[in-house]
Protein backbone atom coordinates (compact mmCIF):
# COMPACT_ATOMS: atom_id res chain seq x y z
CA MET A 1 16.45 -66.77 14.83
CA ALA A 2 15.92 -66.62 18.57
CA THR A 3 12.51 -65.45 19.76
CA SER A 4 12.45 -63.05 22.71
CA LEU A 5 10.07 -63.68 25.58
CA HIS A 6 7.09 -61.37 25.73
CA PRO A 7 6.56 -59.81 29.19
CA ASN A 8 2.77 -60.11 28.99
CA PRO A 9 1.38 -63.47 27.72
CA THR A 10 -2.13 -62.07 27.13
CA THR A 11 -0.78 -59.20 25.03
CA PHE A 12 1.41 -61.62 23.11
CA LEU A 13 -1.61 -63.83 22.30
CA LYS A 14 -3.72 -60.87 21.22
CA THR A 15 -0.87 -59.72 18.97
CA HIS A 16 -0.18 -63.08 17.32
CA LEU A 17 -3.59 -64.77 17.19
CA PRO A 18 -6.56 -63.71 15.04
CA LYS A 19 -9.10 -61.71 17.04
CA SER A 20 -11.89 -64.06 15.99
CA ASN A 21 -10.08 -66.98 17.63
CA LEU A 22 -9.22 -65.27 20.87
CA ASN A 23 -11.38 -64.38 23.82
CA ASN A 24 -10.77 -63.91 27.50
CA SER A 25 -11.25 -67.60 28.35
CA THR A 26 -8.84 -68.63 25.59
CA ALA A 27 -6.17 -66.25 26.83
CA SER A 28 -6.62 -67.31 30.44
CA ARG A 29 -5.93 -70.93 29.56
CA PHE A 30 -2.44 -69.99 28.41
CA LEU A 31 -1.58 -68.20 31.63
CA ILE A 32 0.33 -69.91 34.42
CA ARG A 33 -0.91 -69.03 37.87
CA CYS A 34 1.33 -69.55 40.86
CA GLY A 35 0.46 -69.12 44.49
CA PRO A 36 1.28 -70.14 48.05
CA ARG A 37 1.53 -73.88 48.78
CA ASP A 38 -1.39 -73.69 51.23
CA ASN A 39 -3.70 -72.50 48.44
CA ARG A 40 -3.17 -75.48 46.15
CA GLY A 41 -6.24 -77.43 45.09
CA PRO A 42 -6.93 -80.95 46.36
CA LEU A 43 -4.71 -83.74 45.13
CA VAL A 44 -6.33 -86.17 42.70
CA LYS A 45 -6.25 -89.60 44.31
CA GLY A 46 -2.71 -88.97 45.49
CA ARG A 47 -1.34 -89.17 41.93
CA VAL A 48 -0.71 -85.43 41.39
CA LEU A 49 2.29 -84.92 43.61
CA SER A 50 3.91 -81.71 44.72
CA ILE A 51 7.69 -81.37 44.55
CA GLU A 52 7.77 -81.73 48.34
CA ALA A 53 5.88 -85.04 48.23
CA ILE A 54 8.06 -86.42 45.43
CA GLN A 55 11.20 -85.52 47.35
CA ALA A 56 9.78 -87.09 50.51
CA VAL A 57 9.04 -90.39 48.74
CA GLN A 58 12.53 -90.51 47.23
CA SER A 59 14.21 -89.61 50.53
CA LEU A 60 12.27 -92.24 52.48
CA LYS A 61 13.11 -94.99 50.00
CA ARG A 62 16.80 -94.04 50.10
CA ALA A 63 16.72 -93.96 53.89
CA GLN A 64 15.16 -97.41 54.03
CA ARG A 65 17.89 -98.83 51.82
CA SER A 66 20.75 -97.11 53.63
CA ASP A 67 19.73 -97.40 57.29
CA PRO A 68 16.53 -99.44 57.90
CA THR A 69 17.27 -99.73 61.63
CA ASN A 70 16.90 -95.97 62.07
CA ILE A 71 13.92 -95.51 59.77
CA SER A 72 11.54 -94.04 62.37
CA THR A 73 13.88 -91.15 63.12
CA LEU A 74 14.58 -90.57 59.45
CA VAL A 75 10.86 -90.57 58.63
CA SER A 76 10.13 -87.94 61.28
CA LYS A 77 12.98 -85.76 60.05
CA THR A 78 11.90 -86.06 56.41
CA LEU A 79 8.23 -85.33 57.04
CA SER A 80 8.53 -82.67 59.72
CA ARG A 81 8.01 -79.73 57.34
CA LEU A 82 5.28 -81.18 55.14
CA ILE A 83 1.71 -79.87 55.25
CA LYS A 84 -1.15 -82.36 55.55
CA ALA A 85 -1.88 -82.50 51.80
CA ASP A 86 1.73 -83.47 51.06
CA LEU A 87 1.76 -86.05 53.86
CA VAL A 88 -1.37 -87.68 52.44
CA ALA A 89 0.07 -87.60 48.92
CA THR A 90 3.31 -89.18 50.14
CA LEU A 91 1.37 -91.91 51.92
CA LYS A 92 -0.78 -92.72 48.90
CA GLU A 93 2.19 -92.81 46.55
CA LEU A 94 4.02 -95.25 48.83
CA LEU A 95 0.90 -97.43 48.93
CA ARG A 96 0.69 -97.31 45.13
CA GLN A 97 4.29 -98.56 44.99
CA ASP A 98 3.51 -101.31 47.56
CA GLN A 99 5.95 -99.72 50.02
CA CYS A 100 3.69 -100.67 52.93
CA ALA A 101 6.34 -100.67 55.65
CA LEU A 102 7.27 -97.08 54.83
CA ALA A 103 3.60 -96.16 54.41
CA LEU A 104 2.89 -97.34 57.96
CA HIS A 105 5.62 -95.02 59.30
CA VAL A 106 4.20 -92.12 57.31
CA PHE A 107 0.68 -92.91 58.52
CA SER A 108 1.87 -92.95 62.12
CA ASN A 109 3.46 -89.54 61.60
CA LEU A 110 0.32 -88.21 59.94
CA ARG A 111 -1.93 -89.52 62.70
CA SER A 112 0.18 -87.87 65.39
CA GLU A 113 -0.48 -84.43 63.88
CA HIS A 114 -3.75 -84.67 61.93
CA GLU A 115 -7.00 -86.63 61.68
CA PRO A 116 -6.40 -89.09 58.81
CA GLY A 117 -10.03 -89.92 58.03
CA LEU A 118 -11.49 -93.39 57.64
CA SER A 119 -10.95 -93.51 53.87
CA LEU A 120 -7.20 -93.40 54.45
CA TYR A 121 -7.54 -96.25 56.92
CA ALA A 122 -9.39 -98.18 54.22
CA ASP A 123 -6.66 -97.46 51.64
CA LEU A 124 -4.03 -98.68 54.06
CA VAL A 125 -5.98 -101.84 54.95
CA MET A 126 -6.42 -102.77 51.28
CA ALA A 127 -2.72 -102.29 50.57
CA LEU A 128 -1.71 -104.31 53.65
CA ALA A 129 -4.05 -107.13 52.64
CA LYS A 130 -2.64 -107.12 49.11
CA ASN A 131 0.89 -107.48 50.49
CA GLY A 132 0.08 -110.21 53.01
CA MET A 133 0.47 -108.02 56.10
CA ALA A 134 -2.69 -109.20 57.87
CA GLU A 135 -1.38 -108.73 61.40
CA GLU A 136 -0.66 -105.09 60.66
CA ILE A 137 -4.34 -104.64 59.77
CA ASP A 138 -5.41 -105.86 63.20
CA ARG A 139 -2.83 -103.62 64.86
CA LEU A 140 -4.07 -100.63 62.84
CA ILE A 141 -7.71 -101.16 63.87
CA PHE A 142 -6.67 -101.77 67.46
CA ASP A 143 -4.84 -98.43 67.48
CA LEU A 144 -7.94 -96.75 65.99
CA GLU A 145 -10.05 -98.17 68.81
CA LYS A 146 -7.50 -97.21 71.45
CA GLU A 147 -7.41 -93.59 70.32
CA GLY A 148 -10.99 -92.76 71.21
CA GLY A 149 -13.13 -95.86 71.50
CA GLY A 150 -15.74 -94.56 69.06
CA ILE A 151 -15.97 -94.00 65.35
CA PRO A 152 -17.79 -91.42 63.18
CA CYS A 153 -20.72 -93.46 61.88
CA ASP A 154 -21.78 -90.81 59.37
CA ASP A 155 -18.40 -90.94 57.65
CA LYS A 156 -18.65 -92.31 54.10
CA GLY A 157 -15.19 -93.79 54.57
CA LEU A 158 -16.60 -96.16 57.20
CA ILE A 159 -18.31 -98.34 54.58
CA ARG A 160 -15.03 -98.54 52.65
CA LEU A 161 -13.21 -99.48 55.84
CA ILE A 162 -15.71 -102.21 56.71
CA ARG A 163 -15.48 -103.69 53.23
CA ALA A 164 -11.68 -103.51 53.25
CA VAL A 165 -11.39 -105.28 56.61
CA VAL A 166 -13.97 -107.90 55.64
CA GLY A 167 -12.25 -108.39 52.27
CA ALA A 168 -9.02 -109.08 54.17
CA GLU A 169 -10.98 -111.64 56.27
CA ARG A 170 -9.99 -110.03 59.55
CA ARG A 171 -12.63 -111.26 61.97
CA GLU A 172 -11.22 -109.57 65.07
CA SER A 173 -10.94 -106.20 63.35
CA THR A 174 -14.48 -106.42 61.94
CA VAL A 175 -15.85 -107.05 65.42
CA ARG A 176 -13.79 -104.16 66.81
CA ILE A 177 -15.26 -101.80 64.22
CA TYR A 178 -18.78 -102.92 65.11
CA GLY A 179 -18.01 -102.33 68.80
CA MET A 180 -16.72 -98.82 68.06
CA MET A 181 -19.85 -98.06 66.06
CA LYS A 182 -22.09 -99.11 68.93
CA ARG A 183 -20.13 -97.02 71.43
CA SER A 184 -20.56 -94.06 69.09
CA GLY A 185 -24.34 -94.41 69.26
CA TRP A 186 -24.97 -96.51 66.16
CA GLY A 187 -28.13 -98.50 66.76
CA SER A 188 -29.38 -96.39 69.67
CA SER A 189 -32.82 -94.81 69.71
CA GLY A 190 -33.05 -91.77 67.51
CA PHE A 191 -29.99 -92.73 65.47
CA LYS A 192 -30.79 -92.88 61.77
CA ALA A 193 -28.88 -95.79 60.27
CA ASP A 194 -27.71 -95.74 56.69
CA GLU A 195 -29.18 -98.74 54.85
CA TYR A 196 -25.98 -99.36 52.90
CA MET A 197 -24.06 -99.36 56.15
CA VAL A 198 -26.44 -101.96 57.57
CA LYS A 199 -26.02 -104.12 54.51
CA ALA A 200 -22.22 -103.86 54.50
CA LEU A 201 -21.90 -104.59 58.21
CA SER A 202 -24.42 -107.44 58.31
CA ARG A 203 -22.95 -109.23 55.34
CA GLY A 204 -19.45 -108.53 56.55
CA LEU A 205 -20.05 -110.04 59.97
CA LYS A 206 -21.57 -113.12 58.38
CA ARG A 207 -18.63 -113.49 56.04
CA VAL A 208 -16.12 -113.56 58.91
CA GLY A 209 -18.23 -116.07 60.85
CA GLU A 210 -19.94 -113.71 63.30
CA VAL A 211 -23.49 -114.81 62.45
CA GLY A 212 -24.79 -113.91 65.91
CA LEU A 213 -23.62 -110.30 65.62
CA ALA A 214 -24.99 -110.12 62.07
CA ASP A 215 -28.39 -111.26 63.36
CA GLU A 216 -28.14 -108.59 66.06
CA VAL A 217 -27.64 -105.95 63.37
CA ASP A 218 -30.57 -107.27 61.33
CA LYS A 219 -32.80 -107.36 64.41
CA GLU A 220 -31.84 -103.86 65.50
CA PHE A 221 -32.73 -102.44 62.10
CA GLY A 222 -35.86 -104.35 61.23
CA THR A 223 -36.80 -101.89 58.49
CA PHE A 224 -33.82 -103.16 56.55
CA SER A 225 -34.97 -106.75 56.44
CA LYS A 226 -33.32 -109.47 54.44
CA GLY A 227 -35.67 -108.84 51.55
CA ASN A 228 -34.88 -105.13 51.50
CA LEU A 229 -31.17 -105.81 51.63
CA GLU A 230 -31.46 -108.08 48.59
CA LYS A 231 -33.24 -105.29 46.73
CA LEU A 232 -30.38 -102.92 47.54
CA SER A 233 -27.89 -105.17 45.80
CA VAL A 234 -29.87 -105.34 42.53
């Protein structure tokens, strides 16, 4: 026998479930709430995709297979109506699928309209390193430097970016990041340096062969001596 749909889910639950097992919180969990796209909650690590983001990923992959020579135009057309959250989700899903060439196009589109944030730069660097696209890492950091010359040193994504670039063994890019940090006031009088940032940068510079710059960092922040840095890693 077919069951008719009840117009009010809460009333239906109260009718069919024992009163002792039903309260307001129980009923509310069965309700489906819909709202405007702009009011959606944050995406979870790019893995919870909206319909728009899923369609964008599929369209971009089809476009790459059908007409790779015209991919830039097709990317702009596909992404033109997406809000920032969907652009970020599309980018992260492409990175998860190791579609780095497409991800770079999406990132360029995102950067032209919004501030990506340093954590996204770090995600992109790690994916590029994984796929052997080292030169693209240097180009990415060069573009970051060219945009403004400085870098937000209080951004938690900066440590991730430093570690990603160092992990990819990109000496030039590591030095560029250090230069951007200094131009942003990092190391100047009155600037409170984060001890984990000091550790990451000092060890990173040493790892890529820039011992002199690493010593400069250690000297500038004498309170974070070698002994203190070793304690931080315990």
